[in-house]
Amino acid sequence: MTRTLALICMCILPIGVTVSTGAYAAEVVGNLTDRKGGGAKGARVTVTCDGFEDSVFVSAVNGQYRVKNVPDNAACVLVIQYDGAYSAPHNFTTTTEKTRYNRRIRRVGNSVEYL
């Protein structure tokens, strides 16, 4: 009985690990820079998809950002906030690895535009 229970546990454990790590295996990464090519200081990236939402600030030095634990193979929307303005939503589908989104941005009126 103990041997049978141990074999069942050994078979179920890998399935549980695969399911729990596979659901949130994606990352959204990139660089946001200003007109001069420096990091877009104060910019924030928000990724929303299938009940998931996370916002991260952009590195002022080089403009890098990383949103972790995003659902994989999900329809998502990315919005950039910069200097009190917002970009138009960018629709994309994540992969099981990294989705890259790089842009040079500037504020024009009440919106963020891409250069």
N, C-alpha and C. Protein backbone atom coordinates (compact mmCIF):
# COMPACT_ATOMS: atom_id res chain seq x y z
N MET A 1 0.82 -1.19 0.00
CA MET A 1 0.00 0.00 0.00
C MET A 1 0.87 1.26 0.00
N THR A 2 1.92 1.28 0.83
CA THR A 2 2.80 2.45 0.92
C THR A 2 3.54 2.66 -0.40
N ARG A 3 3.98 1.55 -1.00
CA ARG A 3 4.69 1.64 -2.27
C ARG A 3 3.77 2.19 -3.36
N THR A 4 2.52 1.75 -3.41
CA THR A 4 1.55 2.24 -4.39
C THR A 4 1.28 3.73 -4.19
N LEU A 5 1.12 4.16 -2.96
CA LEU A 5 0.89 5.57 -2.65
C LEU A 5 2.09 6.43 -3.06
N ALA A 6 3.29 5.94 -2.82
CA ALA A 6 4.49 6.67 -3.21
C ALA A 6 4.57 6.81 -4.73
N LEU A 7 4.23 5.76 -5.47
CA LEU A 7 4.24 5.83 -6.93
C LEU A 7 3.20 6.83 -7.46
N ILE A 8 2.03 6.86 -6.85
CA ILE A 8 0.99 7.81 -7.26
C ILE A 8 1.47 9.23 -7.02
N CYS A 9 2.05 9.49 -5.85
CA CYS A 9 2.55 10.83 -5.54
C CYS A 9 3.64 11.26 -6.51
N MET A 10 4.53 10.32 -6.87
CA MET A 10 5.62 10.65 -7.80
C MET A 10 5.07 11.00 -9.18
N CYS A 11 3.96 10.40 -9.56
CA CYS A 11 3.37 10.68 -10.87
C CYS A 11 2.58 11.99 -10.87
N ILE A 12 1.90 12.30 -9.77
CA ILE A 12 1.08 13.51 -9.70
C ILE A 12 1.93 14.76 -9.52
N LEU A 13 2.99 14.70 -8.76
CA LEU A 13 3.82 15.87 -8.46
C LEU A 13 4.33 16.57 -9.72
N PRO A 14 4.92 15.88 -10.70
CA PRO A 14 5.37 16.60 -11.89
C PRO A 14 4.24 17.27 -12.66
N ILE A 15 3.05 16.69 -12.66
CA ILE A 15 1.92 17.30 -13.35
C ILE A 15 1.54 18.60 -12.67
N GLY A 16 1.48 18.63 -11.35
CA GLY A 16 1.14 19.84 -10.60
C GLY A 16 2.16 20.94 -10.82
N VAL A 17 3.44 20.59 -10.87
CA VAL A 17 4.47 21.60 -11.10
C VAL A 17 4.35 22.17 -12.50
N THR A 18 4.07 21.34 -13.48
CA THR A 18 3.93 21.82 -14.84
C THR A 18 2.75 22.78 -14.97
N VAL A 19 1.63 22.45 -14.36
CA VAL A 19 0.45 23.29 -14.46
C VAL A 19 0.69 24.62 -13.77
N SER A 20 1.29 24.62 -12.57
CA SER A 20 1.44 25.86 -11.82
C SER A 20 2.47 26.80 -12.45
N THR A 21 3.54 26.28 -13.02
CA THR A 21 4.53 27.16 -13.62
C THR A 21 4.19 27.52 -15.06
N GLY A 22 3.40 26.69 -15.74
CA GLY A 22 3.07 26.95 -17.13
C GLY A 22 2.07 28.06 -17.32
N ALA A 23 1.23 28.32 -16.33
CA ALA A 23 0.19 29.32 -16.47
C ALA A 23 0.73 30.74 -16.48
N TYR A 24 1.87 30.97 -15.84
CA TYR A 24 2.45 32.31 -15.76
C TYR A 24 3.94 32.24 -16.08
N ALA A 25 4.26 31.85 -17.30
CA ALA A 25 5.65 31.66 -17.67
C ALA A 25 6.19 32.79 -18.54
N ALA A 26 5.35 33.72 -18.92
CA ALA A 26 5.77 34.75 -19.88
C ALA A 26 6.32 35.99 -19.17
N GLU A 27 7.10 36.77 -19.93
CA GLU A 27 7.59 38.06 -19.48
C GLU A 27 7.43 39.06 -20.62
N VAL A 28 7.17 40.31 -20.27
CA VAL A 28 7.16 41.39 -21.25
C VAL A 28 8.33 42.28 -20.88
N VAL A 29 9.26 42.45 -21.83
CA VAL A 29 10.48 43.23 -21.57
C VAL A 29 10.70 44.22 -22.69
N GLY A 30 11.52 45.24 -22.41
CA GLY A 30 11.85 46.17 -23.46
C GLY A 30 12.58 47.39 -22.94
N ASN A 31 12.73 48.36 -23.82
CA ASN A 31 13.37 49.63 -23.51
C ASN A 31 12.47 50.76 -23.99
N LEU A 32 12.29 51.76 -23.14
CA LEU A 32 11.59 52.98 -23.51
C LEU A 32 12.57 54.12 -23.36
N THR A 33 12.80 54.84 -24.44
CA THR A 33 13.74 55.94 -24.40
C THR A 33 13.05 57.23 -24.81
N ASP A 34 13.66 58.36 -24.41
CA ASP A 34 13.11 59.66 -24.76
C ASP A 34 13.68 60.14 -26.09
N ARG A 35 13.40 61.38 -26.43
CA ARG A 35 13.86 61.94 -27.72
C ARG A 35 15.37 61.87 -27.90
N LYS A 36 16.10 62.01 -26.80
CA LYS A 36 17.57 62.03 -26.86
C LYS A 36 18.18 60.64 -26.81
N GLY A 37 17.36 59.62 -26.61
CA GLY A 37 17.87 58.26 -26.58
C GLY A 37 18.18 57.76 -25.18
N GLY A 38 17.96 58.59 -24.15
CA GLY A 38 18.16 58.15 -22.78
C GLY A 38 16.92 57.46 -22.26
N GLY A 39 17.05 56.86 -21.09
CA GLY A 39 15.90 56.20 -20.47
C GLY A 39 14.78 57.18 -20.23
N ALA A 40 13.57 56.79 -20.51
CA ALA A 40 12.39 57.65 -20.34
C ALA A 40 12.07 57.74 -18.85
N LYS A 41 12.75 58.64 -18.16
CA LYS A 41 12.64 58.78 -16.71
C LYS A 41 11.20 59.01 -16.28
N GLY A 42 10.76 58.21 -15.31
CA GLY A 42 9.41 58.34 -14.78
C GLY A 42 8.34 57.59 -15.55
N ALA A 43 8.70 56.98 -16.68
CA ALA A 43 7.70 56.24 -17.47
C ALA A 43 7.30 54.96 -16.72
N ARG A 44 6.06 54.58 -16.94
CA ARG A 44 5.54 53.36 -16.33
C ARG A 44 4.83 52.54 -17.40
N VAL A 45 5.05 51.24 -17.37
CA VAL A 45 4.42 50.31 -18.31
C VAL A 45 3.40 49.48 -17.55
N THR A 46 2.17 49.42 -18.08
CA THR A 46 1.13 48.59 -17.48
C THR A 46 0.71 47.53 -18.50
N VAL A 47 0.74 46.27 -18.06
CA VAL A 47 0.32 45.15 -18.90
C VAL A 47 -0.92 44.54 -18.26
N THR A 48 -1.97 44.39 -19.07
CA THR A 48 -3.23 43.81 -18.61
C THR A 48 -3.62 42.68 -19.56
N CYS A 49 -3.95 41.51 -19.00
CA CYS A 49 -4.41 40.41 -19.84
C CYS A 49 -5.11 39.34 -18.99
N ASP A 50 -6.26 38.93 -19.45
CA ASP A 50 -6.99 37.80 -18.86
C ASP A 50 -6.99 37.82 -17.33
N GLY A 51 -7.39 38.93 -16.71
CA GLY A 51 -7.45 39.02 -15.26
C GLY A 51 -6.14 39.37 -14.59
N PHE A 52 -5.08 39.49 -15.34
CA PHE A 52 -3.76 39.86 -14.82
C PHE A 52 -3.51 41.33 -15.10
N GLU A 53 -2.94 42.04 -14.14
CA GLU A 53 -2.50 43.42 -14.38
C GLU A 53 -1.30 43.71 -13.51
N ASP A 54 -0.28 44.32 -14.11
CA ASP A 54 0.91 44.71 -13.36
C ASP A 54 1.50 45.95 -14.01
N SER A 55 2.02 46.84 -13.18
CA SER A 55 2.69 48.06 -13.64
C SER A 55 4.10 48.09 -13.10
N VAL A 56 5.03 48.48 -13.95
CA VAL A 56 6.43 48.62 -13.53
C VAL A 56 6.96 49.95 -14.03
N PHE A 57 7.90 50.50 -13.27
CA PHE A 57 8.56 51.73 -13.71
C PHE A 57 9.75 51.38 -14.59
N VAL A 58 10.06 52.31 -15.48
CA VAL A 58 11.17 52.15 -16.41
C VAL A 58 12.44 52.67 -15.74
N SER A 59 13.54 51.98 -15.96
CA SER A 59 14.82 52.43 -15.43
C SER A 59 15.19 53.76 -16.07
N ALA A 60 15.48 54.77 -15.24
CA ALA A 60 15.83 56.10 -15.76
C ALA A 60 17.17 56.09 -16.48
N VAL A 61 18.02 55.15 -16.15
CA VAL A 61 19.36 55.11 -16.75
C VAL A 61 19.32 54.63 -18.20
N ASN A 62 18.71 53.47 -18.43
CA ASN A 62 18.74 52.90 -19.78
C ASN A 62 17.36 52.62 -20.37
N GLY A 63 16.31 52.88 -19.61
CA GLY A 63 14.96 52.69 -20.14
C GLY A 63 14.43 51.28 -20.09
N GLN A 64 15.13 50.36 -19.45
CA GLN A 64 14.68 48.97 -19.41
C GLN A 64 13.51 48.77 -18.46
N TYR A 65 12.67 47.83 -18.82
CA TYR A 65 11.58 47.40 -17.93
C TYR A 65 11.34 45.92 -18.11
N ARG A 66 10.71 45.31 -17.11
CA ARG A 66 10.40 43.88 -17.17
C ARG A 66 9.14 43.63 -16.35
N VAL A 67 8.14 43.04 -16.99
CA VAL A 67 6.92 42.62 -16.30
C VAL A 67 6.97 41.10 -16.25
N LYS A 68 7.00 40.56 -15.05
CA LYS A 68 7.16 39.12 -14.85
C LYS A 68 5.82 38.45 -14.57
N ASN A 69 5.83 37.14 -14.72
CA ASN A 69 4.68 36.28 -14.38
C ASN A 69 3.40 36.64 -15.13
N VAL A 70 3.56 37.01 -16.38
CA VAL A 70 2.42 37.31 -17.24
C VAL A 70 1.87 35.97 -17.77
N PRO A 71 0.56 35.82 -17.87
CA PRO A 71 0.02 34.57 -18.42
C PRO A 71 0.56 34.32 -19.83
N ASP A 72 0.95 33.09 -20.11
CA ASP A 72 1.46 32.80 -21.45
C ASP A 72 0.31 32.53 -22.41
N ASN A 73 0.57 32.79 -23.68
CA ASN A 73 -0.42 32.61 -24.75
C ASN A 73 -1.73 33.34 -24.44
N ALA A 74 -1.61 34.57 -23.94
CA ALA A 74 -2.78 35.36 -23.56
C ALA A 74 -2.86 36.63 -24.40
N ALA A 75 -4.08 37.08 -24.66
CA ALA A 75 -4.30 38.36 -25.33
C ALA A 75 -4.11 39.46 -24.29
N CYS A 76 -3.20 40.39 -24.57
CA CYS A 76 -2.83 41.41 -23.59
C CYS A 76 -2.87 42.80 -24.20
N VAL A 77 -2.83 43.79 -23.31
CA VAL A 77 -2.77 45.19 -23.70
C VAL A 77 -1.66 45.84 -22.90
N LEU A 78 -0.83 46.64 -23.58
CA LEU A 78 0.24 47.38 -22.93
C LEU A 78 -0.02 48.87 -23.10
N VAL A 79 0.06 49.62 -21.99
CA VAL A 79 -0.13 51.07 -22.01
C VAL A 79 1.06 51.71 -21.31
N ILE A 80 1.56 52.79 -21.89
CA ILE A 80 2.68 53.53 -21.32
C ILE A 80 2.17 54.83 -20.74
N GLN A 81 2.57 55.10 -19.50
CA GLN A 81 2.29 56.39 -18.88
C GLN A 81 3.62 57.14 -18.79
N TYR A 82 3.62 58.39 -19.26
CA TYR A 82 4.86 59.17 -19.29
C TYR A 82 4.52 60.64 -19.12
N ASP A 83 5.10 61.24 -18.12
CA ASP A 83 4.94 62.67 -17.89
C ASP A 83 3.47 63.08 -17.81
N GLY A 84 2.65 62.25 -17.13
CA GLY A 84 1.24 62.57 -16.94
C GLY A 84 0.33 62.26 -18.11
N ALA A 85 0.85 61.66 -19.16
CA ALA A 85 0.05 61.32 -20.34
C ALA A 85 0.10 59.80 -20.58
N TYR A 86 -0.85 59.33 -21.40
CA TYR A 86 -0.95 57.89 -21.69
C TYR A 86 -0.84 57.63 -23.18
N SER A 87 -0.25 56.48 -23.50
CA SER A 87 -0.17 56.04 -24.89
C SER A 87 -1.47 55.37 -25.29
N ALA A 88 -1.65 55.20 -26.58
CA ALA A 88 -2.75 54.36 -27.07
C ALA A 88 -2.42 52.92 -26.66
N PRO A 89 -3.43 52.10 -26.40
CA PRO A 89 -3.16 50.71 -26.02
C PRO A 89 -2.51 49.93 -27.16
N HIS A 90 -1.55 49.10 -26.81
CA HIS A 90 -0.89 48.22 -27.77
C HIS A 90 -1.37 46.80 -27.47
N ASN A 91 -2.09 46.18 -28.41
CA ASN A 91 -2.60 44.82 -28.25
C ASN A 91 -1.57 43.82 -28.76
N PHE A 92 -1.37 42.74 -28.00
CA PHE A 92 -0.43 41.70 -28.41
C PHE A 92 -0.80 40.40 -27.71
N THR A 93 -0.20 39.31 -28.17
CA THR A 93 -0.38 38.00 -27.55
C THR A 93 0.97 37.55 -27.02
N THR A 94 0.99 37.12 -25.76
CA THR A 94 2.24 36.67 -25.17
C THR A 94 2.65 35.32 -25.73
N THR A 95 3.90 35.01 -25.55
CA THR A 95 4.43 33.69 -25.90
C THR A 95 4.79 32.99 -24.60
N THR A 96 5.38 31.83 -24.69
CA THR A 96 5.80 31.13 -23.48
C THR A 96 7.15 31.64 -22.99
N GLU A 97 7.73 32.59 -23.69
CA GLU A 97 9.01 33.15 -23.26
C GLU A 97 8.88 34.65 -23.07
N LYS A 98 9.73 35.43 -23.76
CA LYS A 98 9.71 36.89 -23.60
C LYS A 98 9.06 37.57 -24.79
N THR A 99 8.21 38.52 -24.49
CA THR A 99 7.64 39.38 -25.51
C THR A 99 8.36 40.71 -25.40
N ARG A 100 8.95 41.18 -26.48
CA ARG A 100 9.72 42.43 -26.45
C ARG A 100 8.91 43.57 -27.05
N TYR A 101 9.00 44.73 -26.37
CA TYR A 101 8.33 45.93 -26.85
C TYR A 101 9.23 47.12 -26.56
N ASN A 102 9.93 47.60 -27.57
CA ASN A 102 10.85 48.73 -27.45
C ASN A 102 10.28 49.92 -28.20
N ARG A 103 10.38 51.11 -27.60
CA ARG A 103 9.89 52.32 -28.26
C ARG A 103 10.67 53.53 -27.79
N ARG A 104 10.78 54.50 -28.68
CA ARG A 104 11.25 55.85 -28.33
C ARG A 104 9.99 56.69 -28.22
N ILE A 105 9.82 57.39 -27.10
CA ILE A 105 8.55 58.07 -26.83
C ILE A 105 8.76 59.55 -26.50
N ARG A 106 7.65 60.28 -26.60
CA ARG A 106 7.60 61.67 -26.17
C ARG A 106 6.16 62.01 -25.83
N ARG A 107 6.01 63.02 -24.98
CA ARG A 107 4.67 63.49 -24.64
C ARG A 107 4.29 64.60 -25.61
N VAL A 108 3.09 64.49 -26.17
CA VAL A 108 2.55 65.54 -27.04
C VAL A 108 1.12 65.79 -26.56
N GLY A 109 0.90 66.95 -25.97
CA GLY A 109 -0.42 67.25 -25.42
C GLY A 109 -0.76 66.30 -24.29
N ASN A 110 -1.88 65.61 -24.42
CA ASN A 110 -2.31 64.66 -23.39
C ASN A 110 -2.04 63.22 -23.76
N SER A 111 -1.14 62.98 -24.71
CA SER A 111 -0.87 61.61 -25.09
C SER A 111 0.63 61.36 -25.25
N VAL A 112 0.97 60.10 -25.23
CA VAL A 112 2.34 59.65 -25.47
C VAL A 112 2.41 59.19 -26.91
N GLU A 113 3.36 59.72 -27.64
CA GLU A 113 3.55 59.33 -29.05
C GLU A 113 4.87 58.61 -29.21
N TYR A 114 4.92 57.80 -30.27
CA TYR A 114 6.13 57.05 -30.60
C TYR A 114 6.90 57.81 -31.66
N LEU A 115 8.22 57.86 -31.50
CA LEU A 115 9.07 58.52 -32.49
C LEU A 115 9.61 57.51 -33.49
